[in-house]
């Protein structure tokens, strides 16, 4: 028997938040939504298990320092941590 799941499901806090939205009649897939900088990203998955695994992975990546330097490289062309 499957347990009842309340949507939306959130992982992380603040800018590290990844949200899983339930399926709808218009879009019969689970949607993952997260932001990197000011850009919102979305992906869809057929199963909730795959969606949860990917959401945890993305949330962990957003918490790491690698994403900060990646954003700085994209917008400024250099590592922001090198500035004094």
PDB file of N, CA and C in Angstrom:
ATOM      1  N   UNK A   1       0.834  -1.167   0.000  1.00  0.00           N
ATOM      2  CA  UNK A   1       0.000   0.000   0.000  1.00  0.00           C
ATOM      3  C   UNK A   1       0.884   1.237   0.000  1.00  0.00           C
ATOM      4  N   UNK A   2       0.574   2.210  -0.814  1.00  0.00           N
ATOM      5  CA  UNK A   2       1.402   3.411  -0.879  1.00  0.00           C
ATOM      6  C   UNK A   2       0.894   4.447   0.117  1.00  0.00           C
ATOM      7  N   UNK A   3       1.822   5.230   0.620  1.00  0.00           N
ATOM      8  CA  UNK A   3       1.456   6.262   1.580  1.00  0.00           C
ATOM      9  C   UNK A   3       1.076   7.537   0.841  1.00  0.00           C
ATOM     10  N   UNK A   4       0.254   8.358   1.475  1.00  0.00           N
ATOM     11  CA  UNK A   4      -0.193   9.599   0.866  1.00  0.00           C
ATOM     12  C   UNK A   4       0.924  10.634   0.936  1.00  0.00           C
ATOM     13  N   UNK A   5       1.160  11.321  -0.159  1.00  0.00           N
ATOM     14  CA  UNK A   5       2.214  12.323  -0.238  1.00  0.00           C
ATOM     15  C   UNK A   5       1.566  13.681  -0.472  1.00  0.00           C
ATOM     16  N   UNK A   6       1.960  14.668   0.328  1.00  0.00           N
ATOM     17  CA  UNK A   6       1.441  16.030   0.170  1.00  0.00           C
ATOM     18  C   UNK A   6       2.381  16.823  -0.733  1.00  0.00           C
ATOM     19  N   UNK A   7       1.827  17.517  -1.683  1.00  0.00           N
ATOM     20  CA  UNK A   7       2.620  18.315  -2.623  1.00  0.00           C
ATOM     21  C   UNK A   7       2.374  19.784  -2.369  1.00  0.00           C
ATOM     22  N   UNK A   8       3.308  20.656  -2.692  1.00  0.00           N
ATOM     23  CA  UNK A   8       4.635  20.413  -3.232  1.00  0.00           C
ATOM     24  C   UNK A   8       5.615  19.920  -2.165  1.00  0.00           C
ATOM     25  N   UNK A   9       6.599  19.151  -2.602  1.00  0.00           N
ATOM     26  CA  UNK A   9       7.658  18.642  -1.732  1.00  0.00           C
ATOM     27  C   UNK A   9       8.877  19.535  -1.933  1.00  0.00           C
ATOM     28  N   UNK A  10       9.439  20.041  -0.818  1.00  0.00           N
ATOM     29  CA  UNK A  10      10.591  20.945  -0.906  1.00  0.00           C
ATOM     30  C   UNK A  10      11.810  20.315  -0.251  1.00  0.00           C
ATOM     31  N   UNK A  11      12.953  20.501  -0.893  1.00  0.00           N
ATOM     32  CA  UNK A  11      14.252  20.108  -0.350  1.00  0.00           C
ATOM     33  C   UNK A  11      15.103  21.360  -0.262  1.00  0.00           C
ATOM     34  N   UNK A  12      15.796  21.558   0.858  1.00  0.00           N
ATOM     35  CA  UNK A  12      16.664  22.710   1.023  1.00  0.00           C
ATOM     36  C   UNK A  12      15.889  23.933   1.478  1.00  0.00           C
ATOM     37  N   UNK A  13      16.633  25.041   1.665  1.00  0.00           N
ATOM     38  CA  UNK A  13      16.043  26.296   2.105  1.00  0.00           C
ATOM     39  C   UNK A  13      16.625  27.448   1.308  1.00  0.00           C
ATOM     40  N   UNK A  14      15.871  28.511   1.192  1.00  0.00           N
ATOM     41  CA  UNK A  14      16.350  29.713   0.522  1.00  0.00           C
ATOM     42  C   UNK A  14      16.685  29.466  -0.934  1.00  0.00           C
ATOM     43  N   UNK A  15      17.875  29.899  -1.342  1.00  0.00           N
ATOM     44  CA  UNK A  15      18.305  29.734  -2.735  1.00  0.00           C
ATOM     45  C   UNK A  15      18.681  28.299  -3.067  1.00  0.00           C
ATOM     46  N   UNK A  16      18.799  27.458  -2.063  1.00  0.00           N
ATOM     47  CA  UNK A  16      19.131  26.046  -2.283  1.00  0.00           C
ATOM     48  C   UNK A  16      17.882  25.178  -2.378  1.00  0.00           C
ATOM     49  N   UNK A  17      16.719  25.803  -2.467  1.00  0.00           N
ATOM     50  CA  UNK A  17      15.463  25.051  -2.454  1.00  0.00           C
ATOM     51  C   UNK A  17      15.149  24.452  -3.815  1.00  0.00           C
ATOM     52  N   UNK A  18      14.763  23.187  -3.773  1.00  0.00           N
ATOM     53  CA  UNK A  18      14.311  22.455  -4.954  1.00  0.00           C
ATOM     54  C   UNK A  18      12.897  21.972  -4.633  1.00  0.00           C
ATOM     55  N   UNK A  19      11.946  22.231  -5.526  1.00  0.00           N
ATOM     56  CA  UNK A  19      10.551  21.900  -5.273  1.00  0.00           C
ATOM     57  C   UNK A  19      10.062  20.871  -6.280  1.00  0.00           C
ATOM     58  N   UNK A  20       9.325  19.882  -5.785  1.00  0.00           N
ATOM     59  CA  UNK A  20       8.705  18.865  -6.638  1.00  0.00           C
ATOM     60  C   UNK A  20       7.204  19.136  -6.657  1.00  0.00           C
ATOM     61  N   UNK A  21       6.642  19.282  -7.843  1.00  0.00           N
ATOM     62  CA  UNK A  21       5.211  19.505  -8.013  1.00  0.00           C
ATOM     63  C   UNK A  21       4.553  18.233  -8.535  1.00  0.00           C
ATOM     64  N   UNK A  22       3.290  18.059  -8.159  1.00  0.00           N
ATOM     65  CA  UNK A  22       2.530  16.875  -8.532  1.00  0.00           C
ATOM     66  C   UNK A  22       2.139  16.910 -10.007  1.00  0.00           C
ATOM     67  N   UNK A  23       1.725  15.753 -10.506  1.00  0.00           N
ATOM     68  CA  UNK A  23       1.252  15.638 -11.882  1.00  0.00           C
ATOM     69  C   UNK A  23      -0.092  16.354 -12.022  1.00  0.00           C
ATOM     70  N   UNK A  24      -0.372  16.843 -13.223  1.00  0.00           N
ATOM     71  CA  UNK A  24      -1.661  17.454 -13.534  1.00  0.00           C
ATOM     72  C   UNK A  24      -2.214  16.791 -14.784  1.00  0.00           C
ATOM     73  N   UNK A  25      -3.438  17.111 -15.133  1.00  0.00           N
ATOM     74  CA  UNK A  25      -4.013  16.540 -16.352  1.00  0.00           C
ATOM     75  C   UNK A  25      -3.329  17.113 -17.585  1.00  0.00           C
ATOM     76  N   UNK A  26      -2.913  18.369 -17.510  1.00  0.00           N
ATOM     77  CA  UNK A  26      -2.235  18.996 -18.654  1.00  0.00           C
ATOM     78  C   UNK A  26      -0.801  18.492 -18.808  1.00  0.00           C
ATOM     79  N   UNK A  27      -0.128  18.198 -17.692  1.00  0.00           N
ATOM     80  CA  UNK A  27       1.257  17.719 -17.718  1.00  0.00           C
ATOM     81  C   UNK A  27       1.366  16.504 -16.795  1.00  0.00           C
ATOM     82  N   UNK A  28       1.240  15.294 -17.321  1.00  0.00           N
ATOM     83  CA  UNK A  28       1.194  14.096 -16.478  1.00  0.00           C
ATOM     84  C   UNK A  28       2.560  13.614 -15.996  1.00  0.00           C
ATOM     85  N   UNK A  29       3.416  14.524 -15.580  1.00  0.00           N
ATOM     86  CA  UNK A  29       4.749  14.206 -15.070  1.00  0.00           C
ATOM     87  C   UNK A  29       4.976  14.974 -13.778  1.00  0.00           C
ATOM     88  N   UNK A  30       5.908  14.474 -12.944  1.00  0.00           N
ATOM     89  CA  UNK A  30       6.336  15.213 -11.766  1.00  0.00           C
ATOM     90  C   UNK A  30       7.324  16.277 -12.228  1.00  0.00           C
ATOM     91  N   UNK A  31       7.139  17.508 -11.750  1.00  0.00           N
ATOM     92  CA  UNK A  31       8.014  18.608 -12.161  1.00  0.00           C
ATOM     93  C   UNK A  31       8.961  18.987 -11.033  1.00  0.00           C
ATOM     94  N   UNK A  32      10.222  19.198 -11.375  1.00  0.00           N
ATOM     95  CA  UNK A  32      11.249  19.674 -10.461  1.00  0.00           C
ATOM     96  C   UNK A  32      11.541  21.119 -10.848  1.00  0.00           C
ATOM     97  N   UNK A  33      11.569  22.005  -9.869  1.00  0.00           N
ATOM     98  CA  UNK A  33      11.835  23.406 -10.136  1.00  0.00           C
ATOM     99  C   UNK A  33      12.889  23.915  -9.154  1.00  0.00           C
ATOM    100  N   UNK A  34      13.885  24.660  -9.676  1.00  0.00           N
ATOM    101  CA  UNK A  34      14.919  25.258  -8.840  1.00  0.00           C
ATOM    102  C   UNK A  34      15.504  26.455  -9.563  1.00  0.00           C
ATOM    103  N   UNK A  35      16.215  27.313  -8.823  1.00  0.00           N
ATOM    104  CA  UNK A  35      16.825  28.499  -9.408  1.00  0.00           C
ATOM    105  C   UNK A  35      18.328  28.453  -9.257  1.00  0.00           C
ATOM    106  N   UNK A  36      19.011  28.852 -10.317  1.00  0.00           N
ATOM    107  CA  UNK A  36      20.455  29.069 -10.275  1.00  0.00           C
ATOM    108  C   UNK A  36      20.651  30.519 -10.678  1.00  0.00           C
ATOM    109  N   UNK A  37      21.072  31.328  -9.713  1.00  0.00           N
ATOM    110  CA  UNK A  37      21.141  32.764  -9.957  1.00  0.00           C
ATOM    111  C   UNK A  37      19.733  33.302 -10.104  1.00  0.00           C
ATOM    112  N   UNK A  38      19.467  33.958 -11.219  1.00  0.00           N
ATOM    113  CA  UNK A  38      18.128  34.481 -11.469  1.00  0.00           C
ATOM    114  C   UNK A  38      17.364  33.646 -12.491  1.00  0.00           C
ATOM    115  N   UNK A  39      17.930  32.520 -12.894  1.00  0.00           N
ATOM    116  CA  UNK A  39      17.322  31.683 -13.924  1.00  0.00           C
ATOM    117  C   UNK A  39      16.624  30.496 -13.271  1.00  0.00           C
ATOM    118  N   UNK A  40      15.353  30.308 -13.621  1.00  0.00           N
ATOM    119  CA  UNK A  40      14.573  29.195 -13.091  1.00  0.00           C
ATOM    120  C   UNK A  40      14.700  28.006 -14.032  1.00  0.00           C
ATOM    121  N   UNK A  41      14.995  26.843 -13.456  1.00  0.00           N
ATOM    122  CA  UNK A  41      15.132  25.609 -14.230  1.00  0.00           C
ATOM    123  C   UNK A  41      14.021  24.652 -13.848  1.00  0.00           C
ATOM    124  N   UNK A  42      13.540  23.886 -14.838  1.00  0.00           N
ATOM    125  CA  UNK A  42      12.523  22.873 -14.588  1.00  0.00           C
ATOM    126  C   UNK A  42      12.878  21.610 -15.352  1.00  0.00           C
ATOM    127  N   UNK A  43      12.562  20.460 -14.734  1.00  0.00           N
ATOM    128  CA  UNK A  43      12.704  19.157 -15.389  1.00  0.00           C
ATOM    129  C   UNK A  43      11.496  18.321 -15.032  1.00  0.00           C
ATOM    130  N   UNK A  44      11.190  17.354 -15.859  1.00  0.00           N
ATOM    131  CA  UNK A  44      10.052  16.482 -15.600  1.00  0.00           C
ATOM    132  C   UNK A  44      10.530  15.039 -15.471  1.00  0.00           C
ATOM    133  N   UNK A  45       9.800  14.267 -14.641  1.00  0.00           N
ATOM    134  CA  UNK A  45      10.102  12.863 -14.412  1.00  0.00           C
ATOM    135  C   UNK A  45       8.804  12.073 -14.383  1.00  0.00           C
ATOM    136  N   UNK A  46       8.875  10.833 -14.845  1.00  0.00           N
ATOM    137  CA  UNK A  46       7.689   9.964 -14.839  1.00  0.00           C
ATOM    138  C   UNK A  46       7.381   9.408 -13.464  1.00  0.00           C
ATOM    139  N   UNK A  47       8.416   9.127 -12.665  1.00  0.00           N
ATOM    140  CA  UNK A  47       8.188   8.525 -11.351  1.00  0.00           C
ATOM    141  C   UNK A  47       8.616   9.480 -10.240  1.00  0.00           C
ATOM    142  N   UNK A  48       7.941   9.370  -9.113  1.00  0.00           N
ATOM    143  CA  UNK A  48       8.269  10.199  -7.964  1.00  0.00           C
ATOM    144  C   UNK A  48       9.629   9.817  -7.390  1.00  0.00           C
ATOM    145  N   UNK A  49       9.982   8.547  -7.474  1.00  0.00           N
ATOM    146  CA  UNK A  49      11.283   8.081  -6.973  1.00  0.00           C
ATOM    147  C   UNK A  49      12.429   8.769  -7.716  1.00  0.00           C
ATOM    148  N   UNK A  50      12.343   8.841  -9.039  1.00  0.00           N
ATOM    149  CA  UNK A  50      13.373   9.520  -9.835  1.00  0.00           C
ATOM    150  C   UNK A  50      13.402  11.012  -9.537  1.00  0.00           C
ATOM    151  N   UNK A  51      12.225  11.607  -9.369  1.00  0.00           N
ATOM    152  CA  UNK A  51      12.143  13.039  -9.089  1.00  0.00           C
ATOM    153  C   UNK A  51      12.784  13.368  -7.749  1.00  0.00           C
ATOM    154  N   UNK A  52      12.531  12.545  -6.722  1.00  0.00           N
ATOM    155  CA  UNK A  52      13.122  12.781  -5.404  1.00  0.00           C
ATOM    156  C   UNK A  52      14.635  12.634  -5.439  1.00  0.00           C
ATOM    157  N   UNK A  53      15.132  11.626  -6.138  1.00  0.00           N
ATOM    158  CA  UNK A  53      16.579  11.408  -6.225  1.00  0.00           C
ATOM    159  C   UNK A  53      17.264  12.591  -6.903  1.00  0.00           C
ATOM    160  N   UNK A  54      16.676  13.073  -7.988  1.00  0.00           N
ATOM    161  CA  UNK A  54      17.271  14.211  -8.704  1.00  0.00           C
ATOM    162  C   UNK A  54      17.180  15.489  -7.865  1.00  0.00           C
ATOM    163  N   UNK A  55      16.071  15.680  -7.154  1.00  0.00           N
ATOM    164  CA  UNK A  55      15.908  16.867  -6.317  1.00  0.00           C
ATOM    165  C   UNK A  55      16.952  16.901  -5.203  1.00  0.00           C
ATOM    166  N   UNK A  56      17.219  15.774  -4.591  1.00  0.00           N
ATOM    167  CA  UNK A  56      18.239  15.711  -3.540  1.00  0.00           C
ATOM    168  C   UNK A  56      19.622  16.013  -4.102  1.00  0.00           C
ATOM    169  N   UNK A  57      19.898  15.493  -5.295  1.00  0.00           N
ATOM    170  CA  UNK A  57      21.191  15.724  -5.952  1.00  0.00           C
ATOM    171  C   UNK A  57      21.383  17.204  -6.280  1.00  0.00           C
ATOM    172  N   UNK A  58      20.368  17.836  -6.829  1.00  0.00           N
ATOM    173  CA  UNK A  58      20.454  19.253  -7.197  1.00  0.00           C
ATOM    174  C   UNK A  58      20.566  20.117  -5.946  1.00  0.00           C
ATOM    175  N   UNK A  59      19.812  19.798  -4.911  1.00  0.00           N
ATOM    176  CA  UNK A  59      19.873  20.562  -3.665  1.00  0.00           C
ATOM    177  C   UNK A  59      21.271  20.510  -3.058  1.00  0.00           C
ATOM    178  N   UNK A  60      21.893  19.346  -3.086  1.00  0.00           N
ATOM    179  CA  UNK A  60      23.253  19.214  -2.569  1.00  0.00           C
ATOM    180  C   UNK A  60      24.237  20.022  -3.406  1.00  0.00           C
ATOM    181  N   UNK A  61      24.036  20.043  -4.712  1.00  0.00           N
ATOM    182  CA  UNK A  61      24.922  20.816  -5.590  1.00  0.00           C
ATOM    183  C   UNK A  61      24.750  22.312  -5.353  1.00  0.00           C
ATOM    184  N   UNK A  62      23.518  22.752  -5.120  1.00  0.00           N
ATOM    185  CA  UNK A  62      23.280  24.168  -4.868  1.00  0.00           C
ATOM    186  C   UNK A  62      23.904  24.617  -3.551  1.00  0.00           C
ATOM    187  N   UNK A  63      24.019  23.720  -2.582  1.00  0.00           N
ATOM    188  CA  UNK A  63      24.632  24.048  -1.294  1.00  0.00           C
ATOM    189  C   UNK A  63      26.149  24.136  -1.380  1.00  0.00           C
ATOM    190  N   UNK A  64      26.749  23.538  -2.393  1.00  0.00           N
ATOM    191  CA  UNK A  64      28.211  23.509  -2.499  1.00  0.00           C
ATOM    192  C   UNK A  64      28.743  24.831  -3.036  1.00  0.00           C
ATOM    193  N   UNK A  65      30.037  25.047  -2.854  1.00  0.00           N
ATOM    194  CA  UNK A  65      30.682  26.270  -3.339  1.00  0.00           C
ATOM    195  C   UNK A  65      30.921  26.234  -4.840  1.00  0.00           C
ATOM    196  N   UNK A  66      30.854  25.067  -5.461  1.00  0.00           N
ATOM    197  CA  UNK A  66      31.109  24.957  -6.893  1.00  0.00           C
ATOM    198  C   UNK A  66      30.114  25.775  -7.706  1.00  0.00           C
ATOM    199  N   UNK A  67      28.874  25.809  -7.270  1.00  0.00           N
ATOM    200  CA  UNK A  67      27.847  26.520  -8.017  1.00  0.00           C
ATOM    201  C   UNK A  67      28.068  28.028  -7.935  1.00  0.00           C
ATOM    202  N   UNK A  68      28.617  28.519  -6.815  1.00  0.00           N
ATOM    203  CA  UNK A  68      28.885  29.954  -6.672  1.00  0.00           C
ATOM    204  C   UNK A  68      29.939  30.391  -7.671  1.00  0.00           C
ATOM    205  N   UNK A  69      31.009  29.618  -7.788  1.00  0.00           N
ATOM    206  CA  UNK A  69      32.059  29.986  -8.736  1.00  0.00           C
ATOM    207  C   UNK A  69      31.573  29.830 -10.179  1.00  0.00           C
ATOM    208  N   UNK A  70      30.689  28.854 -10.420  1.00  0.00           N
ATOM    209  CA  UNK A  70      30.137  28.676 -11.765  1.00  0.00           C
ATOM    210  C   UNK A  70      29.292  29.885 -12.176  1.00  0.00           C
ATOM    211  N   UNK A  71      28.485  30.399 -11.260  1.00  0.00           N
ATOM    212  CA  UNK A  71      27.661  31.585 -11.542  1.00  0.00           C
ATOM    213  C   UNK A  71      28.557  32.800 -11.761  1.00  0.00           C
ATOM    214  N   UNK A  72      29.586  32.941 -10.928  1.00  0.00           N
ATOM    215  CA  UNK A  72      30.494  34.072 -11.071  1.00  0.00           C
ATOM    216  C   UNK A  72      31.224  34.026 -12.411  1.00  0.00           C
ATOM    217  N   UNK A  73      31.652  32.844 -12.816  1.00  0.00           N
ATOM    218  CA  UNK A  73      32.320  32.713 -14.111  1.00  0.00           C
ATOM    219  C   UNK A  73      31.387  33.087 -15.252  1.00  0.00           C
ATOM    220  N   UNK A  74      30.138  32.695 -15.138  1.00  0.00           N
ATOM    221  CA  UNK A  74      29.176  32.956 -16.205  1.00  0.00           C
ATOM    222  C   UNK A  74      28.891  34.457 -16.338  1.00  0.00           C
ATOM    223  N   UNK A  75      28.713  35.157 -15.192  1.00  0.00           N
ATOM    224  CA  UNK A  75      28.326  36.560 -15.243  1.00  0.00           C
ATOM    225  C   UNK A  75      29.507  37.523 -15.291  1.00  0.00           C
ATOM    226  N   UNK A  76      30.593  37.198 -14.584  1.00  0.00           N
ATOM    227  CA  UNK A  76      31.717  38.110 -14.494  1.00  0.00           C
ATOM    228  C   UNK A  76      32.933  37.667 -15.286  1.00  0.00           C
ATOM    229  N   UNK A  77      32.949  36.426 -15.731  1.00  0.00           N
ATOM    230  CA  UNK A  77      34.077  35.925 -16.497  1.00  0.00           C
ATOM    231  C   UNK A  77      35.265  35.547 -15.645  1.00  0.00           C
ATOM    232  N   UNK A  78      35.089  35.486 -14.348  1.00  0.00           N
ATOM    233  CA  UNK A  78      36.181  35.116 -13.447  1.00  0.00           C
ATOM    234  C   UNK A  78      35.593  34.608 -12.140  1.00  0.00           C
ATOM    235  N   UNK A  79      36.438  34.111 -11.275  1.00  0.00           N
ATOM    236  CA  UNK A  79      36.007  33.589  -9.977  1.00  0.00           C
ATOM    237  C   UNK A  79      35.806  34.745  -9.013  1.00  0.00           C
ATOM    238  N   UNK A  80      34.647  34.844  -8.421  1.00  0.00           N
ATOM    239  CA  UNK A  80      34.334  35.943  -7.511  1.00  0.00           C
ATOM    240  C   UNK A  80      35.154  35.855  -6.235  1.00  0.00           C
ATOM    241  N   UNK A  81      35.599  34.657  -5.866  1.00  0.00           N
ATOM    242  CA  UNK A  81      36.364  34.492  -4.638  1.00  0.00           C
ATOM    243  C   UNK A  81      37.782  35.041  -4.792  1.00  0.00           C
ATOM    244  N   UNK A  82      38.231  35.333  -6.004  1.00  0.00           N
ATOM    245  CA  UNK A  82      39.579  35.866  -6.232  1.00  0.00           C
ATOM    246  C   UNK A  82      39.639  37.374  -5.964  1.00  0.00           C
ATOM    247  N   UNK A  83      38.477  38.016  -5.892  1.00  0.00           N
ATOM    248  CA  UNK A  83      38.470  39.470  -5.665  1.00  0.00           C
ATOM    249  C   UNK A  83      38.829  39.773  -4.221  1.00  0.00           C
ATOM    250  N   UNK A  84      39.646  40.800  -4.020  1.00  0.00           N
ATOM    251  CA  UNK A  84      40.083  41.180  -2.675  1.00  0.00           C
ATOM    252  C   UNK A  84      39.559  42.536  -2.354  1.00  0.00           C
TER     253      UNK A  84
END
